N, C-alpha and C. Protein backbone atom coordinates (compact mmCIF):
# COMPACT_ATOMS: atom_id res chain seq x y z
N UNK A 1 44.31 82.95 79.01
CA UNK A 1 43.55 81.65 77.56
C UNK A 1 42.09 81.68 77.33
N UNK A 2 41.65 81.51 76.18
CA UNK A 2 40.08 81.24 76.10
C UNK A 2 39.61 80.31 74.71
N UNK A 3 38.80 79.01 75.25
CA UNK A 3 38.43 78.47 74.41
C UNK A 3 37.29 78.53 74.54
N UNK A 4 36.79 78.08 72.92
CA UNK A 4 35.38 78.66 72.58
C UNK A 4 34.48 77.46 72.20
N UNK A 5 33.75 77.19 72.74
CA UNK A 5 32.71 75.53 71.95
C UNK A 5 31.04 76.00 72.16
N UNK A 6 30.79 75.13 71.15
CA UNK A 6 28.87 75.79 71.17
C UNK A 6 28.75 76.94 71.72
N UNK A 7 29.49 78.08 71.05
CA UNK A 7 28.80 79.57 71.07
C UNK A 7 29.44 80.33 72.45
N UNK A 8 29.76 79.17 73.73
CA UNK A 8 30.24 79.36 75.01
C UNK A 8 31.50 79.78 75.00
N UNK A 9 32.11 80.89 75.70
CA UNK A 9 33.50 80.99 76.11
C UNK A 9 33.89 80.61 77.73
N UNK A 10 35.00 79.72 77.50
CA UNK A 10 35.54 79.44 78.66
C UNK A 10 36.92 80.11 78.90
N UNK A 11 37.32 80.90 80.24
CA UNK A 11 38.17 81.74 80.21
C UNK A 11 39.14 80.99 81.35
N UNK A 12 40.24 81.12 81.84
CA UNK A 12 41.27 80.25 82.47
C UNK A 12 42.78 80.66 82.29
N UNK A 13 43.10 80.90 83.33
CA UNK A 13 44.65 81.31 83.55
C UNK A 13 45.43 80.11 82.99
N UNK A 14 45.25 78.95 82.79
CA UNK A 14 45.64 77.94 82.25
C UNK A 14 44.52 76.75 82.00
N UNK A 15 45.24 75.72 81.20
CA UNK A 15 44.61 74.90 80.61
C UNK A 15 44.01 74.08 81.17
N UNK A 16 44.18 73.73 82.58
CA UNK A 16 43.37 72.99 83.30
C UNK A 16 42.53 73.44 83.53
N UNK A 17 42.27 74.92 84.01
CA UNK A 17 41.01 75.57 84.18
C UNK A 17 40.12 75.51 83.41
N UNK A 18 40.45 75.38 82.29
CA UNK A 18 39.46 75.51 81.14
C UNK A 18 38.82 74.03 80.90
N UNK A 19 39.45 72.94 81.16
CA UNK A 19 39.45 71.71 80.93
C UNK A 19 38.17 71.57 81.83
N UNK A 20 38.79 72.10 83.26
CA UNK A 20 37.57 71.59 84.19
C UNK A 20 36.10 72.38 84.18
N UNK A 21 36.33 73.83 83.92
CA UNK A 21 35.23 74.55 83.41
C UNK A 21 34.80 73.40 81.93
N UNK A 22 35.27 72.91 81.31
CA UNK A 22 34.36 72.04 80.14
C UNK A 22 33.94 71.04 80.68
N UNK A 23 34.69 70.39 81.60
CA UNK A 23 33.79 69.00 82.44
C UNK A 23 32.98 69.38 83.23
N UNK A 24 32.47 70.65 83.92
CA UNK A 24 31.36 71.16 84.56
C UNK A 24 30.02 71.22 83.98
N UNK A 25 30.55 71.72 82.72
CA UNK A 25 29.48 71.77 81.41
C UNK A 25 29.40 70.31 80.51
N UNK A 26 29.51 69.53 80.78
CA UNK A 26 29.67 68.28 80.12
C UNK A 26 28.41 67.46 80.47
N UNK A 27 27.76 67.38 79.28
CA UNK A 27 26.75 66.45 79.59
C UNK A 27 26.88 64.70 79.79
N UNK A 28 26.38 64.14 80.83
CA UNK A 28 26.29 62.72 80.95
C UNK A 28 27.73 62.61 81.63
N UNK A 29 28.77 62.93 81.87
CA UNK A 29 29.85 63.15 82.54
C UNK A 29 29.29 62.13 84.01
N UNK A 30 29.85 61.18 84.08
CA UNK A 30 29.63 60.47 85.34
C UNK A 30 30.61 60.59 86.70
N UNK A 31 31.90 61.01 86.39
CA UNK A 31 33.00 61.43 87.26
C UNK A 31 33.46 62.90 87.48
N UNK A 32 32.34 63.11 87.89
CA UNK A 32 32.46 64.91 87.91
C UNK A 32 33.70 65.28 89.36
N UNK A 33 34.69 65.63 89.04
CA UNK A 33 35.17 66.26 90.42
C UNK A 33 36.62 65.08 90.36
N UNK A 34 36.74 64.27 88.94
CA UNK A 34 37.96 63.43 89.26
C UNK A 34 38.87 64.14 88.63
N UNK A 35 39.98 63.38 88.33
CA UNK A 35 41.07 63.71 87.90
C UNK A 35 40.71 63.92 86.23
N UNK A 36 41.86 65.28 86.21
CA UNK A 36 41.37 65.69 84.70
C UNK A 36 41.97 64.82 83.51
N UNK A 37 42.61 63.95 83.71
CA UNK A 37 43.07 62.88 82.89
C UNK A 37 42.03 61.95 82.74
N UNK A 38 41.21 61.78 83.55
CA UNK A 38 40.03 61.12 83.40
C UNK A 38 38.71 61.39 82.49
N UNK A 39 38.77 62.87 82.87
CA UNK A 39 37.68 63.40 81.75
C UNK A 39 38.04 63.57 80.39
N UNK A 40 39.61 64.37 80.35
CA UNK A 40 39.92 64.21 78.81
C UNK A 40 40.06 62.71 78.64
N UNK A 41 40.47 61.63 78.94
CA UNK A 41 39.73 60.09 78.13
C UNK A 41 38.91 59.93 78.01
N UNK A 42 37.36 60.23 78.53
CA UNK A 42 36.15 60.30 78.67
C UNK A 42 35.66 61.31 77.30
N UNK A 43 36.52 62.40 77.58
CA UNK A 43 36.49 63.63 76.33
C UNK A 43 36.77 62.71 74.54
N UNK A 44 37.74 62.44 74.94
CA UNK A 44 38.51 62.21 73.76
C UNK A 44 37.67 60.83 73.17
N UNK A 45 36.90 60.02 74.05
CA UNK A 45 36.39 58.57 73.34
C UNK A 45 35.44 59.11 72.57
N UNK A 46 34.44 60.51 73.31
CA UNK A 46 33.60 60.97 72.69
C UNK A 46 33.82 61.70 71.28
N UNK A 47 34.89 62.13 71.19
CA UNK A 47 35.47 62.80 70.06
C UNK A 47 35.92 62.49 68.96
N UNK A 48 36.25 60.62 69.49
CA UNK A 48 36.69 59.92 68.29
C UNK A 48 36.44 59.83 66.97
N UNK A 49 35.40 59.89 66.70
CA UNK A 49 34.98 59.99 65.53
C UNK A 49 35.36 61.23 64.61
N UNK A 50 36.06 62.08 65.46
CA UNK A 50 36.30 63.30 64.66
C UNK A 50 38.01 63.39 64.36
N UNK A 51 38.67 62.52 65.61
CA UNK A 51 39.86 62.38 65.44
C UNK A 51 40.54 61.27 65.14
N UNK A 52 41.83 61.26 64.95
CA UNK A 52 42.94 59.92 64.30
C UNK A 52 42.92 59.46 65.57
N UNK A 53 42.83 57.93 65.56
CA UNK A 53 43.12 57.12 66.48
C UNK A 53 44.51 57.09 67.31
N UNK A 54 45.53 58.04 66.47
CA UNK A 54 47.06 57.91 67.65
C UNK A 54 46.58 59.26 68.57
N UNK A 55 45.71 60.22 68.21
CA UNK A 55 45.61 61.35 68.81
C UNK A 55 44.57 61.09 70.47
N UNK A 56 43.91 59.51 70.65
CA UNK A 56 43.20 59.52 71.60
C UNK A 56 44.04 59.18 72.89
N UNK A 57 44.95 58.71 72.72
CA UNK A 57 46.08 58.04 73.67
C UNK A 57 46.79 59.35 74.65
N UNK A 58 46.71 59.17 75.77
CA UNK A 58 46.95 60.23 76.85
C UNK A 58 48.59 59.80 77.71
N UNK A 59 49.12 60.46 77.30
CA UNK A 59 50.50 60.41 77.41
C UNK A 59 50.84 60.36 79.07
N UNK A 60 51.61 59.62 79.64
CA UNK A 60 51.79 59.41 81.00
C UNK A 60 52.56 59.89 81.28
N UNK A 61 53.53 60.88 80.27
CA UNK A 61 55.04 61.26 80.18
C UNK A 61 54.39 63.02 80.81
N UNK A 62 53.58 63.41 80.33
CA UNK A 62 52.95 64.89 80.64
C UNK A 62 52.13 65.03 81.58
N UNK A 63 52.81 66.28 82.24
CA UNK A 63 51.98 66.82 83.33
C UNK A 63 50.49 67.52 82.76
N UNK A 64 49.63 67.24 84.01
CA UNK A 64 48.22 67.57 83.64
C UNK A 64 48.23 68.76 83.03
N UNK A 65 48.81 70.00 82.85
CA UNK A 65 48.77 70.82 82.33
C UNK A 65 49.26 70.99 80.82
N UNK A 66 50.25 70.57 80.83
CA UNK A 66 50.43 70.41 79.36
C UNK A 66 49.65 69.04 78.52
N UNK A 67 49.08 68.29 79.23
CA UNK A 67 48.30 67.50 78.69
C UNK A 67 47.06 68.57 78.12
N UNK A 68 46.06 69.00 79.18
CA UNK A 68 45.42 69.79 79.00
C UNK A 68 45.31 70.57 78.28
N UNK A 69 46.59 71.28 77.90
CA UNK A 69 46.94 72.56 76.63
C UNK A 69 46.69 71.82 75.31
N UNK A 70 47.20 70.16 75.28
CA UNK A 70 47.55 69.35 74.20
C UNK A 70 46.01 69.14 73.49
N UNK A 71 45.15 68.81 74.67
CA UNK A 71 43.53 68.57 74.24
C UNK A 71 43.07 69.72 73.78
N UNK A 72 43.20 70.89 74.24
CA UNK A 72 42.58 71.72 73.58
C UNK A 72 43.28 72.05 72.11
N UNK A 73 44.35 72.38 72.21
CA UNK A 73 44.78 72.30 70.59
C UNK A 73 44.17 71.18 69.62
N UNK A 74 44.10 70.13 70.21
CA UNK A 74 43.85 68.93 69.16
C UNK A 74 42.19 69.36 68.58
N UNK A 75 41.53 69.70 69.69
CA UNK A 75 40.16 70.16 69.46
C UNK A 75 40.21 71.36 68.61
N UNK A 76 40.98 72.08 68.65
CA UNK A 76 41.14 73.06 67.78
C UNK A 76 41.32 72.96 66.26
N UNK A 77 42.30 72.33 66.52
CA UNK A 77 42.64 71.52 64.82
C UNK A 77 41.66 70.82 64.39
N UNK A 78 40.78 69.52 64.83
CA UNK A 78 39.85 69.44 64.31
C UNK A 78 38.18 69.47 64.55
N UNK A 79 38.12 71.10 64.91
CA UNK A 79 37.29 71.84 64.61
C UNK A 79 36.07 71.21 65.48
N UNK A 80 36.58 71.13 66.73
CA UNK A 80 35.61 70.47 67.99
C UNK A 80 35.64 71.63 69.49
N UNK A 81 36.19 72.85 68.49
CA UNK A 81 36.27 74.09 69.62
C UNK A 81 37.52 74.91 68.62
N UNK A 82 37.25 75.93 69.55
CA UNK A 82 38.08 77.48 69.09
C UNK A 82 39.32 77.68 70.08
N UNK A 83 40.47 77.35 70.38
CA UNK A 83 41.47 78.19 70.69
C UNK A 83 41.58 79.40 71.03
N UNK A 84 41.61 80.40 71.50
CA UNK A 84 42.20 81.81 71.16
C UNK A 84 43.19 82.09 72.30
N UNK A 85 44.17 82.53 71.91
CA UNK A 85 45.09 82.99 72.77
C UNK A 85 44.79 84.44 73.85
N UNK A 86 44.26 85.22 72.40
CA UNK A 86 44.11 86.28 73.21
C UNK A 86 42.80 86.89 73.43
N UNK A 87 42.05 87.40 74.03
CA UNK A 87 40.53 88.02 74.33
C UNK A 87 40.15 88.83 72.78
N UNK A 88 39.50 88.05 72.33
CA UNK A 88 38.48 88.97 71.08
C UNK A 88 37.56 89.76 71.26
N UNK A 89 37.62 91.05 71.03
CA UNK A 89 36.20 91.96 71.50
C UNK A 89 35.44 91.87 70.23
């Protein structure tokens, strides 16, 4: 799985791995190494101007990987990155 943002490609075997890589590159993120959900909430808050309010809520019913994958699809859909399912040469 590959996610491209600001000219950089983030690769991982799972959506959580890609989200963790995004977290490590996130400027001003105050909670490095905390839960994936904490980063997603922080990131969605910053993307709020690009996303509908209904998409800003994190479900308690989803596992972290499903939530991370939904986050990546959401960013792709609203132009805040590009999710690639296959490597492009």
